C-alpha cells in the first residue's frame, strides 16, 4: 500500500529497545555489539566503565532495557555497578547479563545474590548470549 506520493504508508516501526554493553575490552564488546544489533528493534550503546554506565542509566535518554556487563573493569567494577543498579528503585527489575573471565568459584553465587539474570563465562558463545538477551528483552518490554 502506498500513499499518493508513492511512498509506503501505514508502516509501523517498533520502538527501539536499548541494550547497554559495559565492557572495557573491544575484543569482547565488538561481538556482543554485533550480536545484539542483529535483533530487530534493538539499539546498542557501548561504554567502557561502570561510571559511564550509571551516567547512561540515570540520564534522561535512552531508556535502557537490558544491561550486559563485564565484572573486571577499571574505575568501577561490575560487582559495584550491579549493586548500584539494584539499589536504585528505578532499576530494580532491569535485566542484567554478566559476561566475564572471572574465575573465582564464588562469583556465580555472588552475582546471583546481587540479582543478575544470566552469567556467561569467557570464552562465551555470542549466539547463547543473544538468545538470552532476546528472552530478557521480551520480558522487559511486556
Protein backbone atom coordinates (compact mmCIF):
# COMPACT_ATOMS: atom_id res chain seq x y z
CA UNK A 1 0.00 0.00 0.00
CA UNK A 2 1.29 3.44 -0.87
CA UNK A 3 0.20 6.97 -0.16
CA UNK A 4 -0.46 9.42 -3.00
CA UNK A 5 3.22 10.39 -3.03
CA UNK A 6 4.23 6.83 -3.91
CA UNK A 7 5.78 6.13 -0.51
CA UNK A 8 4.69 3.17 1.61
CA UNK A 9 2.02 4.17 4.10
CA UNK A 10 0.97 2.84 7.47
CA UNK A 11 4.40 1.41 8.25
CA UNK A 12 4.76 0.51 11.88
CA UNK A 13 8.25 0.77 13.27
CA UNK A 14 8.86 -0.98 16.56
CA UNK A 15 10.26 1.30 19.23
CA UNK A 16 13.96 0.76 19.84
CA UNK A 17 14.84 -1.32 22.86
CA UNK A 18 18.21 -0.25 24.16
CA UNK A 19 20.90 -2.69 25.25
CA UNK A 20 23.71 -1.19 27.30
CA UNK A 21 27.01 -3.08 27.00
CA UNK A 22 29.55 -2.28 29.71
CA UNK A 23 32.89 -3.72 28.67
CA UNK A 24 36.40 -2.28 28.69
CA UNK A 25 37.76 -4.80 26.16
CA UNK A 26 36.99 -4.07 22.50
CA UNK A 27 37.74 -7.76 21.80
CA UNK A 28 34.74 -8.72 23.95
CA UNK A 29 32.48 -5.73 23.28
CA UNK A 30 32.53 -5.99 19.46
CA UNK A 31 31.00 -9.49 19.12
CA UNK A 32 28.40 -8.67 21.78
CA UNK A 33 27.50 -5.45 19.99
CA UNK A 34 27.24 -7.21 16.62
CA UNK A 35 25.06 -10.00 18.05
CA UNK A 36 22.71 -7.58 19.82
CA UNK A 37 22.47 -5.29 16.78
CA UNK A 38 21.02 -8.18 14.74
CA UNK A 39 17.95 -8.35 16.98
CA UNK A 40 15.13 -6.38 15.30
CA UNK A 41 14.27 -3.12 17.06
CA UNK A 42 17.39 -3.10 19.23
CA UNK A 43 19.71 -0.13 19.67
CA UNK A 44 23.09 -0.80 21.28
CA UNK A 45 25.10 1.57 23.47
CA UNK A 46 28.63 0.54 24.47
CA UNK A 47 30.55 2.09 27.36
CA UNK A 48 33.87 1.08 28.92
CA UNK A 49 33.20 1.58 32.63
CA UNK A 50 30.60 1.25 35.34
CA UNK A 51 30.80 5.00 35.90
CA UNK A 52 29.78 5.64 32.30
CA UNK A 53 27.04 3.01 32.55
CA UNK A 54 25.48 4.73 35.56
CA UNK A 55 25.63 8.05 33.71
CA UNK A 56 23.64 6.50 30.83
CA UNK A 57 21.18 4.75 33.14
CA UNK A 58 20.40 7.84 35.20
CA UNK A 59 20.34 10.22 32.24
CA UNK A 60 17.17 11.33 30.55
CA UNK A 61 17.70 9.19 27.47
CA UNK A 62 17.81 6.49 26.23
CA UNK A 63 15.78 4.15 28.39
CA UNK A 64 17.86 1.00 28.86
CA UNK A 65 16.04 -2.32 28.63
CA UNK A 66 18.92 -4.75 29.36
CA UNK A 67 22.47 -4.35 30.69
CA UNK A 68 25.30 -6.66 29.64
CA UNK A 69 28.36 -6.13 31.81
CA UNK A 70 31.82 -7.41 32.49
CA UNK A 71 32.98 -7.72 36.10
CA UNK A 72 36.64 -6.73 35.92
CA UNK A 73 36.85 -3.11 34.79
CA UNK A 74 38.77 -0.02 35.91
CA UNK A 75 37.21 2.79 37.97
CA UNK A 76 34.13 0.77 38.98
CA UNK A 77 33.93 -2.99 38.65
CA UNK A 78 30.85 -4.89 37.58
CA UNK A 79 30.03 -6.01 41.12
CA UNK A 80 29.71 -2.41 42.28
CA UNK A 81 27.80 -1.44 39.13
CA UNK A 82 25.29 -4.25 39.65
CA UNK A 83 24.89 -3.39 43.34
CA UNK A 84 24.25 0.28 42.47
CA UNK A 85 21.74 -0.64 39.79
CA UNK A 86 19.86 -2.92 42.17
CA UNK A 87 19.95 -0.31 44.96
CA UNK A 88 18.12 2.19 42.73
CA UNK A 89 14.38 1.55 42.81
CA UNK A 90 14.04 2.74 39.20
CA UNK A 91 16.11 -0.23 38.03
CA UNK A 92 15.03 -3.00 40.38
CA UNK A 93 13.64 -5.12 37.52
CA UNK A 94 16.20 -4.15 34.86
CA UNK A 95 17.59 -7.39 33.39
CA UNK A 96 21.36 -7.81 33.79
CA UNK A 97 23.61 -10.27 31.96
CA UNK A 98 27.21 -10.79 33.08
CA UNK A 99 29.91 -11.88 30.60
CA UNK A 100 33.20 -12.27 32.44
CA UNK A 101 36.52 -14.10 32.60
CA UNK A 102 36.33 -14.01 36.40
CA UNK A 103 37.43 -17.48 37.56
CA UNK A 104 36.61 -17.15 41.26
CA UNK A 105 34.36 -20.15 42.08
CA UNK A 106 32.27 -17.88 44.34
CA UNK A 107 31.43 -15.46 41.51
CA UNK A 108 28.26 -17.15 40.16
CA UNK A 109 26.74 -17.27 43.65
CA UNK A 110 27.87 -13.72 44.45
CA UNK A 111 26.33 -12.22 41.31
CA UNK A 112 23.23 -14.36 41.82
CA UNK A 113 22.75 -12.75 45.23
CA UNK A 114 23.10 -9.34 43.53
CA UNK A 115 20.17 -10.20 41.26
CA UNK A 116 21.84 -10.97 37.94
CA UNK A 117 19.62 -12.69 35.38
CA UNK A 118 22.32 -14.64 33.50
CA UNK A 119 26.06 -15.36 33.68
CA UNK A 120 28.32 -16.37 30.79
CA UNK A 121 31.96 -17.23 31.41
CA UNK A 122 34.57 -16.17 28.86
CA UNK A 123 35.15 -17.63 26.39
CA UNK A 124 31.45 -17.39 25.66
CA UNK A 125 29.13 -18.03 22.74
CA UNK A 126 27.72 -14.77 21.33
CA UNK A 127 24.78 -16.81 20.00
CA UNK A 128 23.92 -18.08 23.50
CA UNK A 129 24.19 -14.57 24.96
CA UNK A 130 21.99 -13.30 22.13
CA UNK A 131 19.32 -15.94 22.81
CA UNK A 132 19.22 -14.97 26.48
CA UNK A 133 19.18 -11.29 25.55
CA UNK A 134 16.16 -11.84 23.29
CA UNK A 135 14.33 -13.65 26.12
CA UNK A 136 15.07 -10.84 28.57
CA UNK A 137 14.06 -8.15 26.06
CA UNK A 138 10.74 -9.91 25.50
CA UNK A 139 10.10 -9.97 29.26
CA UNK A 140 11.27 -6.39 29.93
CA UNK A 141 9.15 -4.83 27.18
CA UNK A 142 5.86 -6.58 28.00
